[in-house]
Amino acid sequence: MSRTAYQSLVFGDEEKEIFTRLLFQQALFAGVDVLGYCIMSNHIHLLLRVSPIDSLPDEVLLERYRSYYGSQKAPQSTYRIEELTQILKEGGTEADLARQRILARMGDLPALMRELKQRFTIWYNHKHANQGTIWAARYKSLLVEDSPESLTRVAAYLDLNPVRAKIVEDPKDYRWCGYAACTGGNRLMRLAIVLLFGQKHDYAEAIQSYRMILFGKGYQSKKSPEANTERIPAERLEAVIRRGGKVPVHELLRMRVRYFSDGLALGSKSFVESIFREHRSAFSAKRVHAGIALPEGSWGQLHSMRNLQKKVYS
């Protein structure tokens, strides 16, 4: 998640459209799967699967490079397309260095976020005669287990942003989120829905299951849609949780949940423990437990590395 630098800096329809276009362009270049996203007026949410890339055949590297820059002129800080083609054709040390330089921009989250935000900033500043950065502090990230239970919940949380903001009652009506892109026929996001479920369903099954997570079984009942889209007041929700009550997950996802922004790592108990062991030196020596199960029994087997106590829901 990343926020704009100033409250007065608000993305309109054109800004959201351009950012979405740059996101997919950057992801295709970097070999990163976009599993979910939501572009709001002053912040963005992305759910990405990033796999390291150590090598690529020259023809694939050049294809991505051409697609990335398209008809635009490559900046002076990197190779022109014709220049890179010739260097790779000739081979040798210079070709090896060129490959390493370009591969360093692929399969890497910090590199992807840096380039994506820089490219959008250049466009935004040119469009609005602005100077300087348009982004606040470094993006916040949450490590999510690559499992259907974890991925579908996080993706649904992203897609429900415009519902929580009372912009729409159904995320399919908010153009700049993954679910709307999927229902609108975006090929990559249709594939993403299948990937969220670990490719265990075909698209028709996956999109139906995902919509159930978004809205719950009663959403398409004969009851008034408005009755199903209202959020639980935060105070009432906290009271229910304190009493040990179980709240349906589709209702919880309509709240702002800090586990999805400040939890550090999210997934099964074994996943959180493995991350804890891998980075043990980063935590206090007194710490015994890797994480906690998300409370009130509504989140299945999901665990968070951080035990959040205050203002978990809002």
Protein backbone atom coordinates (compact mmCIF):
# COMPACT_ATOMS: atom_id res chain seq x y z
CA MET A 1 0.00 0.00 0.00
CA SER A 2 1.23 3.48 -0.80
CA ARG A 3 -0.31 6.90 -0.13
CA THR A 4 0.00 10.26 -1.83
CA ALA A 5 2.04 12.91 -0.09
CA TYR A 6 -0.62 15.55 0.44
CA GLN A 7 -4.30 15.45 1.33
CA SER A 8 -4.98 17.88 -1.50
CA LEU A 9 -3.31 15.57 -4.02
CA VAL A 10 -6.22 13.48 -5.27
CA PHE A 11 -6.31 11.07 -8.21
CA GLY A 12 -9.18 11.60 -10.62
CA ASP A 13 -10.43 9.14 -13.23
CA GLU A 14 -7.59 9.87 -15.66
CA GLU A 15 -4.91 9.43 -12.98
CA LYS A 16 -6.41 6.10 -11.88
CA GLU A 17 -6.59 4.96 -15.50
CA ILE A 18 -2.97 5.87 -16.23
CA PHE A 19 -1.71 4.27 -13.02
CA THR A 20 -3.58 1.03 -13.80
CA ARG A 21 -2.12 0.97 -17.31
CA LEU A 22 1.41 1.53 -15.99
CA LEU A 23 0.89 -1.15 -13.32
CA PHE A 24 0.16 -3.87 -15.85
CA GLN A 25 2.92 -2.68 -18.15
CA GLN A 26 5.43 -2.74 -15.30
CA ALA A 27 4.27 -6.13 -14.04
CA LEU A 28 4.53 -7.75 -17.47
CA PHE A 29 8.05 -6.38 -17.88
CA ALA A 30 9.11 -7.54 -14.42
CA GLY A 31 7.46 -10.97 -14.65
CA VAL A 32 5.20 -10.23 -11.66
CA ASP A 33 1.63 -11.53 -11.32
CA VAL A 34 -0.99 -8.93 -10.38
CA LEU A 35 -3.44 -10.94 -8.27
CA GLY A 36 -5.44 -7.95 -7.06
CA TYR A 37 -5.39 -4.17 -6.91
CA CYS A 38 -7.43 -1.12 -6.02
CA ILE A 39 -6.58 2.45 -7.01
CA MET A 40 -8.27 4.96 -4.71
CA SER A 41 -8.18 8.76 -4.75
CA ASN A 42 -5.21 9.10 -2.37
CA HIS A 43 -3.73 5.61 -2.02
CA ILE A 44 -3.18 2.34 -3.86
CA HIS A 45 -3.40 -1.31 -2.85
CA LEU A 46 -1.60 -4.07 -4.78
CA LEU A 47 -1.56 -7.85 -4.29
CA LEU A 48 1.45 -9.17 -6.20
CA ARG A 49 3.17 -12.51 -6.64
CA VAL A 50 6.88 -11.86 -7.12
CA SER A 51 9.23 -14.65 -8.18
CA PRO A 52 12.98 -14.03 -8.56
CA ILE A 53 14.28 -14.12 -12.13
CA ASP A 54 17.89 -15.22 -12.54
CA SER A 55 17.99 -15.55 -16.32
CA LEU A 56 15.89 -15.24 -19.47
CA PRO A 57 16.50 -16.19 -23.10
CA ASP A 58 17.64 -13.13 -25.06
CA GLU A 59 14.55 -13.20 -27.27
CA VAL A 60 12.26 -13.09 -24.22
CA LEU A 61 14.29 -10.32 -22.58
CA LEU A 62 14.14 -8.24 -25.78
CA GLU A 63 10.41 -8.89 -26.19
CA ARG A 64 9.72 -7.60 -22.69
CA TYR A 65 12.03 -4.64 -23.23
CA ARG A 66 10.28 -3.64 -26.47
CA SER A 67 6.85 -4.06 -24.91
CA TYR A 68 7.87 -2.00 -21.89
CA TYR A 69 9.10 1.01 -23.84
CA GLY A 70 6.81 0.54 -26.81
CA SER A 71 7.05 3.41 -29.26
CA GLN A 72 8.50 5.68 -26.57
CA LYS A 73 12.14 6.57 -26.63
CA ALA A 74 14.12 4.77 -23.94
CA PRO A 75 15.59 7.19 -21.37
CA GLN A 76 19.29 8.09 -21.53
CA SER A 77 19.93 6.08 -18.37
CA THR A 78 19.31 2.81 -20.20
CA TYR A 79 19.75 1.17 -23.59
CA ARG A 80 17.94 2.10 -26.75
CA ILE A 81 16.13 -0.94 -28.14
CA GLU A 82 18.30 -1.08 -31.26
CA GLU A 83 21.44 -0.68 -29.14
CA LEU A 84 20.47 -3.50 -26.78
CA THR A 85 19.59 -5.79 -29.69
CA GLN A 86 23.04 -5.27 -31.20
CA ILE A 87 24.87 -5.74 -27.88
CA LEU A 88 23.12 -9.05 -27.18
CA LYS A 89 23.74 -10.20 -30.74
CA GLU A 90 27.49 -9.56 -30.46
CA GLY A 91 27.75 -11.31 -27.07
CA GLY A 92 30.73 -11.11 -24.76
CA THR A 93 31.25 -9.22 -21.52
CA GLU A 94 29.20 -6.21 -22.55
CA ALA A 95 26.23 -8.46 -23.33
CA ASP A 96 26.54 -10.17 -19.94
CA LEU A 97 26.55 -6.80 -18.18
CA ALA A 98 23.50 -5.65 -20.16
CA ARG A 99 21.60 -8.80 -19.23
CA GLN A 100 22.45 -8.41 -15.54
CA ARG A 101 21.45 -4.76 -15.58
CA ILE A 102 18.02 -5.45 -17.05
CA LEU A 103 17.36 -8.62 -15.06
CA ALA A 104 18.03 -6.64 -11.86
CA ARG A 105 14.83 -4.72 -12.66
CA MET A 106 12.78 -7.92 -12.91
CA GLY A 107 11.38 -10.26 -10.28
CA ASP A 108 12.07 -7.76 -7.51
CA LEU A 109 9.42 -5.91 -5.49
CA PRO A 110 11.45 -2.80 -4.52
CA ALA A 111 12.57 -2.35 -8.14
CA LEU A 112 9.01 -2.73 -9.43
CA MET A 113 7.55 -0.25 -6.93
CA ARG A 114 10.36 2.24 -7.49
CA GLU A 115 9.97 2.27 -11.27
CA LEU A 116 6.16 2.18 -11.20
CA LYS A 117 5.90 5.15 -8.83
CA GLN A 118 8.64 7.08 -10.62
CA ARG A 119 7.01 6.62 -14.02
CA PHE A 120 3.63 7.69 -12.71
CA THR A 121 5.19 10.69 -10.96
CA ILE A 122 6.81 11.83 -14.21
CA TRP A 123 3.47 11.59 -16.01
CA TYR A 124 1.59 13.32 -13.16
CA ASN A 125 4.06 16.18 -12.82
CA HIS A 126 4.04 16.80 -16.55
CA LYS A 127 0.23 16.68 -16.65
CA HIS A 128 -0.28 19.02 -13.69
CA ALA A 129 2.83 21.21 -13.96
CA ASN A 130 3.90 19.85 -10.58
CA GLN A 131 7.39 19.38 -9.13
CA GLY A 132 8.84 16.89 -6.68
CA THR A 133 7.50 13.66 -5.28
CA ILE A 134 3.78 12.96 -5.11
CA TRP A 135 4.17 9.98 -2.75
CA ALA A 136 4.40 9.89 1.01
CA ALA A 137 6.83 7.59 2.86
CA ARG A 138 7.98 4.25 1.44
CA TYR A 139 5.20 1.82 0.60
CA LYS A 140 3.94 -0.53 3.34
CA SER A 141 4.05 -4.24 2.60
CA LEU A 142 2.54 -7.39 4.07
CA LEU A 143 3.96 -10.83 3.33
CA VAL A 144 1.05 -13.09 2.37
CA GLU A 145 1.15 -16.87 2.18
CA ASP A 146 0.61 -18.22 -1.33
CA SER A 147 -2.52 -20.18 -0.37
CA PRO A 148 -6.19 -19.83 -1.43
CA GLU A 149 -7.39 -18.95 2.07
CA SER A 150 -4.87 -16.12 2.47
CA LEU A 151 -4.92 -14.76 -1.07
CA THR A 152 -8.70 -14.67 -1.53
CA ARG A 153 -9.20 -12.81 1.77
CA VAL A 154 -6.58 -10.21 0.99
CA ALA A 155 -7.83 -9.74 -2.59
CA ALA A 156 -11.41 -9.34 -1.33
CA TYR A 157 -10.23 -6.80 1.24
CA LEU A 158 -8.65 -4.77 -1.57
CA ASP A 159 -11.71 -4.98 -3.82
CA LEU A 160 -14.02 -3.86 -1.02
CA ASN A 161 -12.15 -0.56 -0.53
CA PRO A 162 -14.66 1.45 -2.61
CA VAL A 163 -17.53 -0.24 -0.73
CA ARG A 164 -16.03 0.77 2.63
CA ALA A 165 -15.59 4.30 1.26
CA LYS A 166 -19.30 4.28 0.24
CA ILE A 167 -18.42 5.02 -3.38
CA VAL A 168 -20.25 1.94 -4.73
CA GLU A 169 -22.31 -0.89 -3.28
CA ASP A 170 -20.68 -3.50 -5.50
CA PRO A 171 -16.95 -3.44 -6.41
CA LYS A 172 -17.78 -4.52 -9.96
CA ASP A 173 -19.04 -0.94 -10.41
CA TYR A 174 -15.70 0.58 -9.40
CA ARG A 175 -13.59 0.56 -12.54
CA TRP A 176 -10.17 0.69 -10.86
CA CYS A 177 -10.10 -2.55 -8.88
CA GLY A 178 -9.22 -6.12 -9.79
CA TYR A 179 -12.74 -7.53 -9.45
CA ALA A 180 -14.23 -4.91 -11.77
CA ALA A 181 -11.47 -5.51 -14.32
CA CYS A 182 -12.14 -9.23 -14.09
CA THR A 183 -15.91 -8.94 -14.62
CA GLY A 184 -15.21 -6.45 -17.41
CA GLY A 185 -13.24 -9.09 -19.31
CA ASN A 186 -9.62 -8.23 -18.48
CA ARG A 187 -7.72 -11.38 -19.44
CA LEU A 188 -4.98 -11.01 -16.83
CA MET A 189 -7.41 -10.45 -13.97
CA ARG A 190 -9.56 -13.40 -15.05
CA LEU A 191 -6.44 -15.51 -14.82
CA ALA A 192 -5.69 -13.89 -11.44
CA ILE A 193 -9.04 -15.05 -10.02
CA VAL A 194 -8.14 -18.63 -10.96
CA LEU A 195 -4.66 -18.21 -9.44
CA LEU A 196 -6.17 -16.97 -6.17
CA PHE A 197 -7.72 -20.41 -5.72
CA GLY A 198 -4.52 -22.23 -6.61
CA GLN A 199 -5.90 -23.15 -10.06
CA LYS A 200 -8.23 -25.67 -8.38
CA HIS A 201 -11.28 -24.16 -10.13
CA ASP A 202 -11.98 -23.06 -13.66
CA TYR A 203 -12.89 -19.41 -14.15
CA ALA A 204 -16.66 -19.86 -13.74
CA GLU A 205 -16.24 -21.70 -10.44
CA ALA A 206 -13.55 -19.32 -9.19
CA ILE A 207 -15.49 -16.12 -9.87
CA GLN A 208 -18.59 -17.53 -8.20
CA SER A 209 -16.63 -18.60 -5.13
CA TYR A 210 -14.88 -15.26 -4.96
CA ARG A 211 -18.13 -13.31 -5.12
CA MET A 212 -19.42 -15.43 -2.22
CA ILE A 213 -16.39 -14.30 -0.20
CA LEU A 214 -17.03 -10.69 -1.16
CA PHE A 215 -20.67 -10.56 -0.20
CA GLY A 216 -21.74 -13.71 1.60
CA LYS A 217 -24.40 -16.18 0.57
CA GLY A 218 -27.27 -13.83 1.16
CA TYR A 219 -26.13 -11.05 -1.14
CA GLN A 220 -28.21 -12.12 -4.14
CA SER A 221 -31.27 -13.06 -2.07
CA LYS A 222 -34.64 -11.38 -2.43
CA LYS A 223 -33.80 -9.00 0.40
CA SER A 224 -32.98 -5.39 -0.33
CA PRO A 225 -29.37 -5.02 -1.54
CA GLU A 226 -28.98 -2.04 0.78
CA ALA A 227 -29.62 -4.26 3.78
CA ASN A 228 -26.69 -6.44 2.81
CA THR A 229 -24.18 -3.70 2.05
CA GLU A 230 -24.33 -1.80 5.34
CA ARG A 231 -21.24 -2.06 7.50
CA ILE A 232 -21.24 -3.10 11.11
CA PRO A 233 -20.44 -0.09 13.36
CA ALA A 234 -16.90 -0.49 14.71
CA GLU A 235 -18.07 -0.22 18.32
CA ARG A 236 -20.63 -2.98 17.86
CA LEU A 237 -18.13 -5.20 16.11
CA GLU A 238 -15.55 -4.80 18.88
CA ALA A 239 -18.24 -5.59 21.47
CA VAL A 240 -19.21 -8.77 19.62
CA ILE A 241 -15.57 -9.84 19.46
CA ARG A 242 -15.01 -9.16 23.15
CA ARG A 243 -17.96 -11.43 23.94
CA GLY A 244 -16.44 -14.18 21.83
CA GLY A 245 -19.06 -13.87 19.11
CA LYS A 246 -18.37 -15.06 15.58
CA VAL A 247 -18.76 -12.50 12.81
CA PRO A 248 -19.13 -13.65 9.17
CA VAL A 249 -15.92 -13.06 7.22
CA HIS A 250 -17.71 -11.13 4.47
CA GLU A 251 -18.85 -8.63 7.13
CA LEU A 252 -15.37 -8.35 8.61
CA LEU A 253 -13.92 -7.64 5.17
CA ARG A 254 -16.15 -4.58 4.88
CA MET A 255 -14.35 -3.01 7.82
CA ARG A 256 -10.88 -1.49 7.75
CA VAL A 257 -8.81 -4.31 9.22
CA ARG A 258 -5.27 -3.52 10.41
CA TYR A 259 -4.21 -7.17 10.06
CA PHE A 260 -4.18 -6.50 6.31
CA SER A 261 -1.94 -3.45 6.55
CA ASP A 262 0.09 -3.74 9.77
CA GLY A 263 0.23 -7.49 10.33
CA LEU A 264 3.72 -7.91 8.78
CA ALA A 265 2.97 -11.48 7.64
CA LEU A 266 -0.35 -13.26 7.05
CA GLY A 267 -1.07 -16.92 6.44
CA SER A 268 -1.25 -20.29 8.14
CA LYS A 269 0.43 -20.93 11.48
CA SER A 270 3.27 -22.86 9.83
CA PHE A 271 3.82 -20.05 7.29
CA VAL A 272 4.08 -17.34 9.97
CA GLU A 273 6.39 -19.54 12.05
CA SER A 274 8.67 -20.15 9.05
CA ILE A 275 8.97 -16.39 8.42
CA PHE A 276 9.69 -15.85 12.12
CA ARG A 277 12.47 -18.47 12.13
CA GLU A 278 13.97 -17.12 8.93
CA HIS A 279 14.20 -13.60 10.39
CA ARG A 280 14.63 -14.49 14.06
CA SER A 281 17.40 -11.93 14.60
CA ALA A 282 15.00 -9.09 13.71
CA PHE A 283 12.82 -9.80 16.76
CA SER A 284 13.37 -9.48 20.49
CA ALA A 285 15.15 -12.40 22.16
CA LYS A 286 12.28 -12.48 24.67
CA ARG A 287 9.73 -13.19 21.98
CA VAL A 288 8.51 -16.78 22.11
CA HIS A 289 5.55 -16.98 19.74
CA ALA A 290 5.80 -16.36 16.02
CA GLY A 291 2.29 -14.96 15.71
CA ILE A 292 -1.33 -15.32 16.70
CA ALA A 293 -4.49 -16.74 15.16
CA LEU A 294 -6.77 -13.98 13.93
CA PRO A 295 -9.43 -13.68 16.64
CA GLU A 296 -13.13 -14.58 16.91
CA GLY A 297 -12.87 -17.72 14.79
CA SER A 298 -14.11 -16.07 11.60
CA TRP A 299 -10.84 -16.10 9.68
CA GLY A 300 -10.34 -19.85 9.33
CA GLN A 301 -6.70 -20.81 9.90
CA LEU A 302 -5.23 -17.36 9.21
CA HIS A 303 -2.49 -16.12 11.53
CA SER A 304 -0.79 -12.73 11.83
CA MET A 305 2.78 -12.11 12.90
CA ARG A 306 1.70 -9.06 14.92
CA ASN A 307 -0.72 -9.26 17.82
CA LEU A 308 -2.68 -6.06 17.28
CA GLN A 309 -4.57 -4.88 20.33
CA LYS A 310 -6.01 -1.44 19.63
CA LYS A 311 -8.26 -0.21 16.83
CA VAL A 312 -8.00 -3.42 14.85
CA TYR A 313 -11.27 -2.64 13.10
CA SER A 314 -12.63 0.73 12.05
